[in-house]
Amino acid sequence: MRAIIMTALAFGFLAGCQQVEEVTKSVSSSFTTLLEPEAAKPAAGTAHGHIGHVMSAWDDTPNNAGLLPTALAEADVAREHADFAAQKLDNLSWMRTHAGHVLHAVAPDRISSGPGLGYGVIRASEGVLKHIDFASRTEDASDNVKHHAEHVGAAASNTVLRANEIVVLVSNIQSNNDVAAVAAMVRHMAAVAGQLRAGKDLDSDGEVQWDNGEGGLDTAVIHMEFMMKGENLI
């Protein structure tokens, strides 16, 4: 079942919003730093309802896709264009153009147009963090939901931090005229863009865990699967 979910969510945004809609249908059929102090209060709704918002559908995403599939699709666009930018490290215009495309996939409120969905990794990942926290604080939340919500939330929070690092890098890329300096930033941007999904093995133990700043969106997918299995949703 993990293979089913990971395959469904692994499709990047390579052919427009239609692909995100396909991702959402596949998931639906299978069915700390950003939290405010008021997070200790019980949340409205049901735990399974908020799990659905994360995985299957939300009301303001493109095609009403789930927040996590939307984050994954935007992360794929960011990674693709960061890699494009790194293909011509001697061409300032090329690097800036694709850095702008990365920015659109990460934070489209900061740029007028680009190849992303127009929702952004940051907004989608913050939505994942928000709704998985809600799921853990509903009156009907099981211990299973509460346990894995921490793991999903940590991975989403890591992703927001990485995406914000990319925003800073793009700003510096756009304002710096030194080709060598921009090339170094582009290489770093490409590395961080890859970590949006894959995370990073910070302690060099050969694995990317959900905690200690390691996990990315793929880690969130794995722990959502654990949660959903425990709730008999898949």
Protein backbone atom coordinates (compact mmCIF):
# COMPACT_ATOMS: atom_id res chain seq x y z
CA MET A 1 0.00 0.00 0.00
CA ARG A 2 2.90 2.36 0.65
CA ALA A 3 3.92 1.89 -2.96
CA ILE A 4 0.40 2.83 -4.08
CA ILE A 5 0.34 6.04 -2.08
CA MET A 6 3.93 7.03 -2.85
CA THR A 7 3.34 6.39 -6.55
CA ALA A 8 0.15 8.44 -6.51
CA LEU A 9 1.79 11.32 -4.71
CA ALA A 10 5.08 11.14 -6.60
CA PHE A 11 3.70 12.66 -9.82
CA GLY A 12 5.18 16.11 -10.22
CA PHE A 13 3.50 19.10 -11.78
CA LEU A 14 4.79 18.47 -15.30
CA ALA A 15 1.59 18.92 -17.27
CA GLY A 16 -0.46 21.48 -15.38
CA CYS A 17 -3.26 21.18 -12.86
CA GLN A 18 -4.68 18.04 -14.47
CA GLN A 19 -1.83 16.03 -13.00
CA VAL A 20 -2.52 17.29 -9.50
CA GLU A 21 -6.15 16.30 -9.93
CA GLU A 22 -5.01 12.78 -10.86
CA VAL A 23 -2.79 12.64 -7.78
CA THR A 24 -5.71 13.68 -5.60
CA LYS A 25 -8.02 11.05 -7.09
CA SER A 26 -5.43 8.33 -6.49
CA VAL A 27 -4.96 9.32 -2.87
CA SER A 28 -8.68 9.73 -2.24
CA SER A 29 -9.46 6.34 -3.63
CA SER A 30 -6.89 4.75 -1.32
CA PHE A 31 -8.09 6.88 0.95
CA THR A 32 6.23 23.27 15.84
CA THR A 33 7.50 26.08 14.91
CA LEU A 34 4.48 27.46 13.14
CA LEU A 35 1.85 26.49 15.69
CA GLU A 36 0.34 29.17 17.89
CA PRO A 37 0.02 28.84 21.70
CA GLU A 38 -3.72 28.26 21.28
CA ALA A 39 -2.88 24.88 19.74
CA ALA A 40 -3.54 23.29 23.12
CA LYS A 41 -7.27 23.91 22.67
CA PRO A 42 -9.54 21.20 21.22
CA ALA A 43 -10.08 21.56 17.48
CA ALA A 44 -13.44 21.60 15.71
CA GLY A 45 -14.46 18.84 13.33
CA THR A 46 -13.34 15.21 13.26
CA ALA A 47 -9.87 13.76 13.10
CA HIS A 48 -10.71 11.90 9.91
CA GLY A 49 -12.11 15.07 8.38
CA HIS A 50 -8.82 16.89 8.88
CA ILE A 51 -6.89 13.87 7.61
CA GLY A 52 -9.01 14.20 4.47
CA HIS A 53 -8.05 17.85 4.16
CA VAL A 54 -4.39 16.86 4.23
CA MET A 55 -4.65 13.93 1.84
CA SER A 56 -7.73 14.26 -0.33
CA ALA A 57 -9.38 17.66 -0.66
CA TRP A 58 -9.26 21.23 0.57
CA ASP A 59 -11.44 24.12 -0.53
CA ASP A 60 -8.90 26.65 -1.80
CA THR A 61 -6.28 24.49 -3.49
CA PRO A 62 -6.08 24.04 -7.28
CA ASN A 63 -8.76 21.53 -8.25
CA ASN A 64 -9.58 21.28 -4.54
CA ALA A 65 -6.70 18.83 -4.14
CA GLY A 66 -5.47 17.71 -0.75
CA LEU A 67 -2.90 19.95 0.89
CA LEU A 68 -0.14 17.34 0.86
CA PRO A 69 -0.53 16.39 -2.83
CA THR A 70 -0.50 20.10 -3.62
CA ALA A 71 2.71 20.60 -1.64
CA LEU A 72 4.29 17.64 -3.43
CA ALA A 73 3.34 18.94 -6.87
CA GLU A 74 4.72 22.41 -6.14
CA ALA A 75 7.90 20.90 -4.68
CA ASP A 76 8.42 18.97 -7.91
CA VAL A 77 8.17 22.17 -9.94
CA ALA A 78 10.64 23.89 -7.62
CA ARG A 79 13.12 21.03 -7.88
CA GLU A 80 12.80 20.81 -11.66
CA HIS A 81 13.48 24.50 -12.23
CA ALA A 82 16.24 24.64 -9.64
CA ASP A 83 17.92 21.86 -11.61
CA PHE A 84 17.33 23.81 -14.83
CA ALA A 85 18.97 26.87 -13.25
CA ALA A 86 22.03 24.79 -12.35
CA GLN A 87 22.51 23.62 -15.95
CA LYS A 88 24.02 26.93 -17.10
CA LEU A 89 26.04 28.30 -14.23
CA ASP A 90 27.81 30.78 -16.50
CA ASN A 91 24.59 32.41 -17.72
CA LEU A 92 23.23 35.00 -15.31
CA SER A 93 19.98 35.57 -17.19
CA TRP A 94 19.27 31.83 -17.38
CA MET A 95 19.90 31.33 -13.67
CA ARG A 96 17.70 34.26 -12.72
CA THR A 97 14.87 33.15 -14.98
CA HIS A 98 14.68 29.67 -13.48
CA ALA A 99 15.23 30.97 -9.96
CA GLY A 100 12.09 33.02 -10.54
CA HIS A 101 10.28 29.86 -11.60
CA VAL A 102 11.42 28.17 -8.40
CA LEU A 103 10.10 31.11 -6.41
CA HIS A 104 6.70 30.84 -8.09
CA ALA A 105 6.42 27.20 -7.03
CA VAL A 106 7.50 27.98 -3.48
CA ALA A 107 5.90 31.36 -2.76
CA PRO A 108 3.76 32.60 -5.68
CA ASP A 109 2.66 35.64 -3.71
CA ARG A 110 6.16 37.02 -4.30
CA ILE A 111 6.16 36.84 -8.10
CA SER A 112 3.49 37.54 -10.69
CA SER A 113 3.75 34.45 -12.88
CA GLY A 114 5.52 31.16 -13.32
CA PRO A 115 5.14 27.42 -13.95
CA GLY A 116 3.76 26.46 -10.55
CA LEU A 117 0.17 25.92 -9.49
CA GLY A 118 -0.08 29.34 -7.90
CA TYR A 119 -0.49 27.90 -4.37
CA GLY A 120 3.09 27.34 -3.28
CA VAL A 121 5.07 24.89 -1.20
CA ILE A 122 4.97 27.21 1.79
CA ARG A 123 1.22 27.71 1.86
CA ALA A 124 0.47 24.04 1.19
CA SER A 125 2.94 22.79 3.80
CA GLU A 126 1.64 25.26 6.36
CA GLY A 127 -1.82 23.89 5.57
CA VAL A 128 -0.62 20.34 6.18
CA LEU A 129 0.87 21.40 9.50
CA LYS A 130 -2.29 23.24 10.50
CA HIS A 131 -4.76 20.50 9.63
CA ILE A 132 -2.74 17.61 11.00
CA ASP A 133 -2.51 19.57 14.24
CA PHE A 134 -6.28 20.04 14.14
CA ALA A 135 -6.67 16.29 13.58
CA SER A 136 -4.61 15.55 16.68
CA ARG A 137 -6.68 17.92 18.84
CA THR A 138 -10.20 16.86 17.93
CA GLU A 139 -12.23 15.18 20.64
CA ASP A 140 -12.30 11.93 18.66
CA ALA A 141 -8.55 11.83 17.92
CA SER A 142 -7.08 8.41 18.66
CA ASP A 143 -3.64 7.83 20.13
CA ASN A 144 -2.62 6.67 16.67
CA VAL A 145 -3.60 10.02 15.13
CA LYS A 146 -1.88 11.98 17.88
CA HIS A 147 1.30 9.92 17.55
CA HIS A 148 1.75 10.24 13.81
CA ALA A 149 0.49 13.83 13.67
CA GLU A 150 3.66 14.85 15.48
CA HIS A 151 5.76 13.16 12.80
CA VAL A 152 3.82 14.62 9.88
CA GLY A 153 3.83 18.06 11.46
CA ALA A 154 7.58 17.98 12.00
CA ALA A 155 8.22 17.03 8.36
CA ALA A 156 5.87 19.77 7.14
CA SER A 157 7.55 22.31 9.41
CA ASN A 158 10.98 21.31 8.08
CA THR A 159 9.65 21.86 4.57
CA VAL A 160 8.41 25.35 5.37
CA LEU A 161 11.82 26.25 6.76
CA ARG A 162 13.57 24.93 3.65
CA ALA A 163 11.13 26.73 1.36
CA ASN A 164 11.75 30.00 3.19
CA GLU A 165 15.48 29.46 2.75
CA ILE A 166 14.84 29.17 -0.98
CA VAL A 167 12.93 32.47 -0.95
CA VAL A 168 15.99 34.19 0.54
CA LEU A 169 18.32 32.51 -1.93
CA VAL A 170 16.20 33.60 -4.90
CA SER A 171 16.16 37.17 -3.65
CA ASN A 172 19.95 37.15 -3.44
CA ILE A 173 20.26 35.51 -6.85
CA GLN A 174 18.11 38.20 -8.43
CA SER A 175 20.03 41.07 -6.83
CA ASN A 176 23.62 39.87 -7.25
CA ASN A 177 25.54 40.60 -10.46
CA ASP A 178 28.55 38.40 -9.72
CA VAL A 179 28.14 35.30 -11.90
CA ALA A 180 30.35 33.10 -9.74
CA ALA A 181 28.53 34.12 -6.57
CA VAL A 182 25.13 33.55 -8.19
CA ALA A 183 26.26 30.16 -9.47
CA ALA A 184 27.18 29.11 -5.93
CA MET A 185 23.76 30.21 -4.68
CA VAL A 186 22.03 28.37 -7.52
CA ARG A 187 23.83 25.16 -6.62
CA HIS A 188 22.71 25.59 -3.02
CA MET A 189 19.16 26.39 -4.12
CA ALA A 190 19.07 23.19 -6.18
CA ALA A 191 20.22 21.16 -3.19
CA VAL A 192 17.58 22.67 -0.89
CA ALA A 193 14.87 22.28 -3.54
CA GLY A 194 15.65 18.57 -3.66
CA GLN A 195 15.25 18.40 0.11
CA LEU A 196 11.69 19.75 -0.02
CA ARG A 197 10.53 16.22 -0.72
CA ALA A 198 13.49 14.03 0.13
CA GLY A 199 14.55 15.73 3.36
CA LYS A 200 18.17 15.44 4.46
CA ASP A 201 20.15 12.88 6.43
CA LEU A 202 21.71 15.35 8.83
CA ASP A 203 23.28 12.82 11.18
CA SER A 204 24.70 10.63 8.38
CA ASP A 205 23.07 7.45 9.68
CA GLY A 206 21.89 6.47 6.22
CA GLU A 207 18.24 7.34 6.85
CA VAL A 208 16.03 10.41 6.75
CA GLN A 209 13.92 10.49 9.91
CA TRP A 210 10.95 12.69 10.72
CA ASP A 211 12.68 14.46 13.61
CA ASN A 212 15.79 16.57 14.19
CA GLY A 213 15.10 18.69 11.13
CA GLU A 214 15.55 15.81 8.68
CA GLY A 215 12.19 14.85 7.22
CA GLY A 216 10.67 16.32 4.07
CA LEU A 217 7.35 15.90 2.32
CA ASP A 218 8.04 12.28 1.39
CA THR A 219 8.46 11.58 5.11
CA ALA A 220 5.08 13.21 5.71
CA VAL A 221 3.55 10.84 3.12
CA ILE A 222 5.00 7.80 4.88
CA HIS A 223 3.67 8.84 8.27
CA MET A 224 0.28 9.78 6.86
CA GLU A 225 0.14 6.22 5.52
CA PHE A 226 0.94 4.86 8.98
CA MET A 227 -1.78 7.05 10.46
CA MET A 228 -4.39 6.09 7.88
CA LYS A 229 -3.64 2.38 8.25
CA GLY A 230 -4.11 2.73 12.00
CA GLU A 231 -7.47 4.41 11.39
CA ASN A 232 -8.57 1.76 8.86
CA LEU A 233 -8.76 4.42 6.15
CA ILE A 234 -6.62 2.35 3.76
